[in-house]
Amino acid sequence: MKTIKTLFCFFITLVSSGSNAADLLVLLNEKKQNSESAASEQSFQIDLGELLAERTHREAVFVTRPRKRLANALEMNEADILCGYLPEWLPGNFDWSIGFVDISDVLVTTLRVPAPSTLEDIAGLPVGTTMGFTYPEIEKILGNRFVRDDGPGAEANLRKLAAGRFNYAIVSMATLNYHRRINDLHLIIHPPLTVSKFKSQCALSKTGNVKLSDINKVILDIQRDGSLEKLLKKYNYH
């Protein structure tokens, strides 16, 4: 009888431990939060990570690494998932989720100059760009006529734009919407010209704690039930 009771207790313990899935290790870019828009983007990624963890019945644990170490961290199984990227931005042996967060890069132009109707109109003119970023759509059209004026980030470029350092800058629509909403830079601009549109994805470690099929199912679920839309509106992605 004692043996049966012991085996029963062991079985209950085994089932209970098996029902608790491992934590979801969410990778974040360890960048300096020296701007409100950068902090807002980080907060979005944290909220998204918590939502994905909740829907996969896990606890989110956040792992930060410098930008140059993100790919290595996933390949070395230091984290399970990194969201907000595309395969061409993060070369490596990963699984990639379906695209689900709409991202637009736009050309912002001050009223000091006429509004460009096409990218050809800015050929040979300095454009505020972010150091280390590539702009394949513009490079394809303008080639060596694409004159970059690199800065540390989108917010710095918008400040330079407002101060008259240059008349054009490329930023994400989410960043522009954020600064328009809080009106901290007092931007006086033409309607922005769309440079590129894409849907960002999540990169998954091939040996991580979560399967690609599970993440894709969760993404479809949060799209259907409005959870993703609510999160996007909270952070001005529309």
Protein backbone atom coordinates (compact mmCIF):
# COMPACT_ATOMS: atom_id res chain seq x y z
CA MET A 1 0.00 0.00 0.00
CA LYS A 2 2.86 2.34 0.89
CA THR A 3 4.53 1.55 -2.44
CA ILE A 4 1.33 2.37 -4.37
CA LYS A 5 0.93 5.63 -2.46
CA THR A 6 4.56 6.56 -3.18
CA LEU A 7 4.16 5.81 -6.89
CA PHE A 8 0.93 7.85 -6.99
CA CYS A 9 2.65 10.85 -5.39
CA PHE A 10 5.55 10.52 -7.84
CA PHE A 11 3.10 10.43 -10.77
CA ILE A 12 1.30 13.57 -9.55
CA THR A 13 4.63 15.37 -9.12
CA LEU A 14 5.75 14.33 -12.61
CA VAL A 15 2.52 15.52 -14.21
CA SER A 16 2.61 18.82 -12.32
CA SER A 17 6.22 19.56 -13.30
CA GLY A 18 5.54 18.60 -16.88
CA SER A 19 2.59 20.99 -17.11
CA ASN A 20 4.80 23.99 -16.32
CA ALA A 21 6.41 24.99 -19.60
CA ALA A 22 9.84 26.58 -19.59
CA ASP A 23 10.21 30.33 -19.53
CA LEU A 24 10.18 32.18 -22.84
CA LEU A 25 13.55 33.91 -23.15
CA VAL A 26 12.84 37.09 -25.09
CA LEU A 27 15.86 38.84 -26.62
CA LEU A 28 16.04 42.64 -26.60
CA ASN A 29 18.49 45.03 -28.20
CA GLU A 30 20.69 46.45 -25.45
CA LYS A 31 20.70 50.01 -26.75
CA LYS A 32 20.97 53.21 -24.80
CA GLN A 33 17.52 54.53 -24.00
CA ASN A 34 18.60 58.12 -24.61
CA SER A 35 15.38 59.08 -26.34
CA GLU A 36 11.71 58.74 -25.55
CA SER A 37 10.96 57.09 -28.88
CA ALA A 38 13.68 54.46 -28.32
CA ALA A 39 12.28 53.76 -24.88
CA SER A 40 8.79 53.48 -26.39
CA GLU A 41 10.02 50.92 -28.95
CA GLN A 42 11.67 48.90 -26.18
CA SER A 43 8.44 49.01 -24.16
CA PHE A 44 6.52 47.75 -27.19
CA GLN A 45 8.90 44.79 -27.56
CA ILE A 46 8.54 44.00 -23.85
CA ASP A 47 4.73 44.09 -24.02
CA LEU A 48 4.78 41.95 -27.16
CA GLY A 49 7.13 39.45 -25.50
CA GLU A 50 4.85 39.20 -22.48
CA LEU A 51 1.84 38.68 -24.73
CA LEU A 52 3.56 35.89 -26.69
CA ALA A 53 4.72 34.26 -23.45
CA GLU A 54 1.25 34.39 -21.93
CA ARG A 55 -0.33 32.82 -25.00
CA THR A 56 2.24 30.00 -24.97
CA HIS A 57 1.64 29.43 -21.23
CA ARG A 58 5.07 30.63 -20.22
CA GLU A 59 6.66 33.40 -18.22
CA ALA A 60 8.60 36.00 -20.20
CA VAL A 61 12.23 36.43 -19.17
CA PHE A 62 14.06 39.25 -20.97
CA VAL A 63 17.64 38.90 -22.15
CA THR A 64 19.48 41.99 -23.39
CA ARG A 65 22.47 41.93 -25.72
CA PRO A 66 24.24 44.59 -27.84
CA ARG A 67 22.99 44.82 -31.40
CA LYS A 68 26.07 43.08 -32.80
CA ARG A 69 25.52 40.11 -30.49
CA LEU A 70 21.84 39.50 -31.15
CA ALA A 71 22.34 36.86 -33.84
CA ASN A 72 24.99 35.06 -31.79
CA ALA A 73 22.75 35.03 -28.72
CA LEU A 74 20.01 33.23 -30.66
CA GLU A 75 22.41 30.78 -32.28
CA MET A 76 24.02 29.98 -28.91
CA ASN A 77 20.57 29.40 -27.37
CA GLU A 78 20.96 32.28 -24.92
CA ALA A 79 17.43 33.34 -25.89
CA ASP A 80 14.42 31.83 -27.61
CA ILE A 81 12.99 34.68 -29.67
CA LEU A 82 13.73 38.14 -31.06
CA CYS A 83 10.97 40.19 -32.66
CA GLY A 84 10.90 43.26 -34.88
CA TYR A 85 13.38 42.09 -37.52
CA LEU A 86 13.61 40.68 -41.04
CA PRO A 87 15.87 37.85 -42.28
CA GLU A 88 17.98 40.30 -44.31
CA TRP A 89 18.61 42.35 -41.16
CA LEU A 90 19.71 39.39 -39.08
CA PRO A 91 21.66 36.77 -41.02
CA GLY A 92 21.88 33.44 -39.23
CA ASN A 93 20.47 29.96 -38.89
CA PHE A 94 17.08 30.79 -37.37
CA ASP A 95 13.44 29.94 -37.83
CA TRP A 96 11.33 32.94 -38.87
CA SER A 97 7.73 33.61 -37.93
CA ILE A 98 5.13 34.93 -40.30
CA GLY A 99 5.21 38.72 -40.72
CA PHE A 100 2.71 40.51 -38.54
CA VAL A 101 3.74 44.06 -37.52
CA ASP A 102 3.42 46.64 -40.29
CA ILE A 103 6.45 48.91 -40.51
CA SER A 104 6.81 51.89 -42.85
CA ASP A 105 9.89 54.00 -43.46
CA VAL A 106 9.05 57.48 -44.67
CA LEU A 107 10.90 60.48 -46.07
CA VAL A 108 10.15 63.55 -43.95
CA THR A 109 10.57 66.96 -45.60
CA THR A 110 10.47 70.41 -44.03
CA LEU A 111 8.37 73.22 -45.47
CA ARG A 112 11.60 75.11 -46.24
CA VAL A 113 11.75 73.22 -49.55
CA PRO A 114 9.12 71.90 -51.98
CA ALA A 115 7.68 68.49 -51.23
CA PRO A 116 9.38 65.73 -53.27
CA SER A 117 6.99 63.74 -55.42
CA THR A 118 9.44 60.87 -55.93
CA LEU A 119 12.76 59.76 -54.44
CA GLU A 120 14.49 61.08 -57.57
CA ASP A 121 13.77 64.60 -56.28
CA ILE A 122 16.28 64.18 -53.42
CA ALA A 123 19.16 62.96 -55.59
CA GLY A 124 22.39 64.64 -54.49
CA LEU A 125 20.80 66.31 -51.46
CA PRO A 126 21.77 65.44 -47.86
CA VAL A 127 19.30 63.17 -46.11
CA GLY A 128 19.23 62.41 -42.39
CA THR A 129 19.87 58.69 -41.96
CA THR A 130 20.67 56.36 -39.08
CA MET A 131 24.21 55.10 -38.67
CA GLY A 132 24.53 51.41 -39.49
CA PHE A 133 21.15 51.17 -41.22
CA THR A 134 20.74 50.26 -44.88
CA TYR A 135 18.12 51.74 -47.19
CA PRO A 136 18.02 49.34 -50.15
CA GLU A 137 14.96 50.91 -51.79
CA ILE A 138 16.64 54.34 -52.00
CA GLU A 139 20.05 52.91 -52.89
CA LYS A 140 18.49 50.99 -55.77
CA ILE A 141 16.91 54.15 -57.19
CA LEU A 142 19.60 56.73 -56.45
CA GLY A 143 22.84 54.76 -56.26
CA ASN A 144 25.73 57.08 -55.46
CA ARG A 145 23.36 60.06 -55.68
CA PHE A 146 22.00 59.04 -52.27
CA VAL A 147 23.80 61.45 -49.92
CA ARG A 148 23.60 60.21 -46.33
CA ASP A 149 24.00 62.40 -43.27
CA ASP A 150 24.29 59.75 -40.56
CA GLY A 151 23.12 60.34 -37.02
CA PRO A 152 22.77 58.09 -33.97
CA GLY A 153 19.03 57.59 -34.40
CA ALA A 154 15.72 58.76 -35.79
CA GLU A 155 14.97 61.21 -33.00
CA ALA A 156 18.34 62.93 -33.40
CA ASN A 157 17.66 63.26 -37.13
CA LEU A 158 14.24 64.78 -36.55
CA ARG A 159 15.81 67.31 -34.16
CA LYS A 160 18.38 68.23 -36.82
CA LEU A 161 15.57 68.53 -39.35
CA ALA A 162 13.65 70.88 -37.06
CA ALA A 163 16.82 72.91 -36.43
CA GLY A 164 17.52 73.37 -40.15
CA ARG A 165 20.62 71.16 -40.35
CA PHE A 166 19.10 69.44 -43.39
CA ASN A 167 15.70 69.35 -45.07
CA TYR A 168 15.10 65.62 -45.42
CA ALA A 169 15.22 62.64 -43.06
CA ILE A 170 14.20 59.00 -43.18
CA VAL A 171 12.42 57.63 -40.10
CA SER A 172 9.84 54.99 -39.29
CA MET A 173 6.22 56.09 -39.42
CA ALA A 174 5.81 54.90 -35.82
CA THR A 175 8.60 57.23 -34.68
CA LEU A 176 7.14 60.16 -36.61
CA ASN A 177 3.67 59.49 -35.21
CA TYR A 178 5.06 59.37 -31.69
CA HIS A 179 6.72 62.80 -31.96
CA ARG A 180 3.70 64.28 -33.69
CA ARG A 181 1.52 63.08 -30.84
CA ILE A 182 3.63 64.55 -28.04
CA ASN A 183 4.64 67.55 -30.22
CA ASP A 184 8.04 67.86 -28.55
CA LEU A 185 9.94 68.81 -31.71
CA HIS A 186 7.37 71.21 -33.19
CA LEU A 187 7.86 69.69 -36.62
CA ILE A 188 6.53 71.68 -39.58
CA ILE A 189 6.64 69.24 -42.47
CA HIS A 190 5.03 68.15 -45.71
CA PRO A 191 3.00 64.92 -45.72
CA PRO A 192 5.65 62.16 -45.57
CA LEU A 193 6.61 60.15 -48.66
CA THR A 194 6.59 56.39 -48.13
CA VAL A 195 9.99 54.82 -48.82
CA SER A 196 9.28 51.21 -47.92
CA LYS A 197 6.64 49.00 -46.31
CA PHE A 198 7.11 45.57 -44.79
CA LYS A 199 5.89 43.29 -42.02
CA SER A 200 8.45 42.59 -39.33
CA GLN A 201 8.89 39.06 -38.01
CA CYS A 202 10.27 37.15 -35.04
CA ALA A 203 13.48 35.12 -35.26
CA LEU A 204 13.48 31.92 -33.21
CA SER A 205 16.38 29.83 -31.96
CA LYS A 206 16.26 26.38 -33.57
CA THR A 207 17.03 24.80 -30.19
CA GLY A 208 14.88 27.09 -28.05
CA ASN A 209 11.94 26.48 -25.72
CA VAL A 210 9.22 27.32 -28.20
CA LYS A 211 8.28 25.88 -31.58
CA LEU A 212 7.81 27.97 -34.70
CA SER A 213 4.36 26.43 -35.26
CA ASP A 214 3.29 27.51 -31.76
CA ILE A 215 4.43 31.11 -32.29
CA ASN A 216 2.75 31.32 -35.68
CA LYS A 217 -0.49 30.03 -34.15
CA VAL A 218 -0.27 32.64 -31.37
CA ILE A 219 0.37 35.41 -33.91
CA LEU A 220 -2.75 34.42 -35.85
CA ASP A 221 -4.74 34.24 -32.60
CA ILE A 222 -3.72 37.73 -31.40
CA GLN A 223 -4.53 39.11 -34.85
CA ARG A 224 -8.01 37.56 -34.76
CA ASP A 225 -8.96 38.54 -31.22
CA GLY A 226 -7.74 42.16 -31.47
CA SER A 227 -4.93 41.87 -28.90
CA LEU A 228 -2.28 42.82 -31.45
CA GLU A 229 -4.30 45.76 -32.77
CA LYS A 230 -4.75 47.06 -29.22
CA LEU A 231 -0.99 46.87 -28.63
CA LEU A 232 -0.18 48.59 -31.93
CA LYS A 233 -2.53 51.46 -31.17
CA LYS A 234 -1.03 51.88 -27.71
CA TYR A 235 2.36 52.53 -29.31
CA ASN A 236 1.18 54.60 -32.31
CA TYR A 237 2.01 52.02 -34.96
CA HIS A 238 -1.00 53.27 -36.94
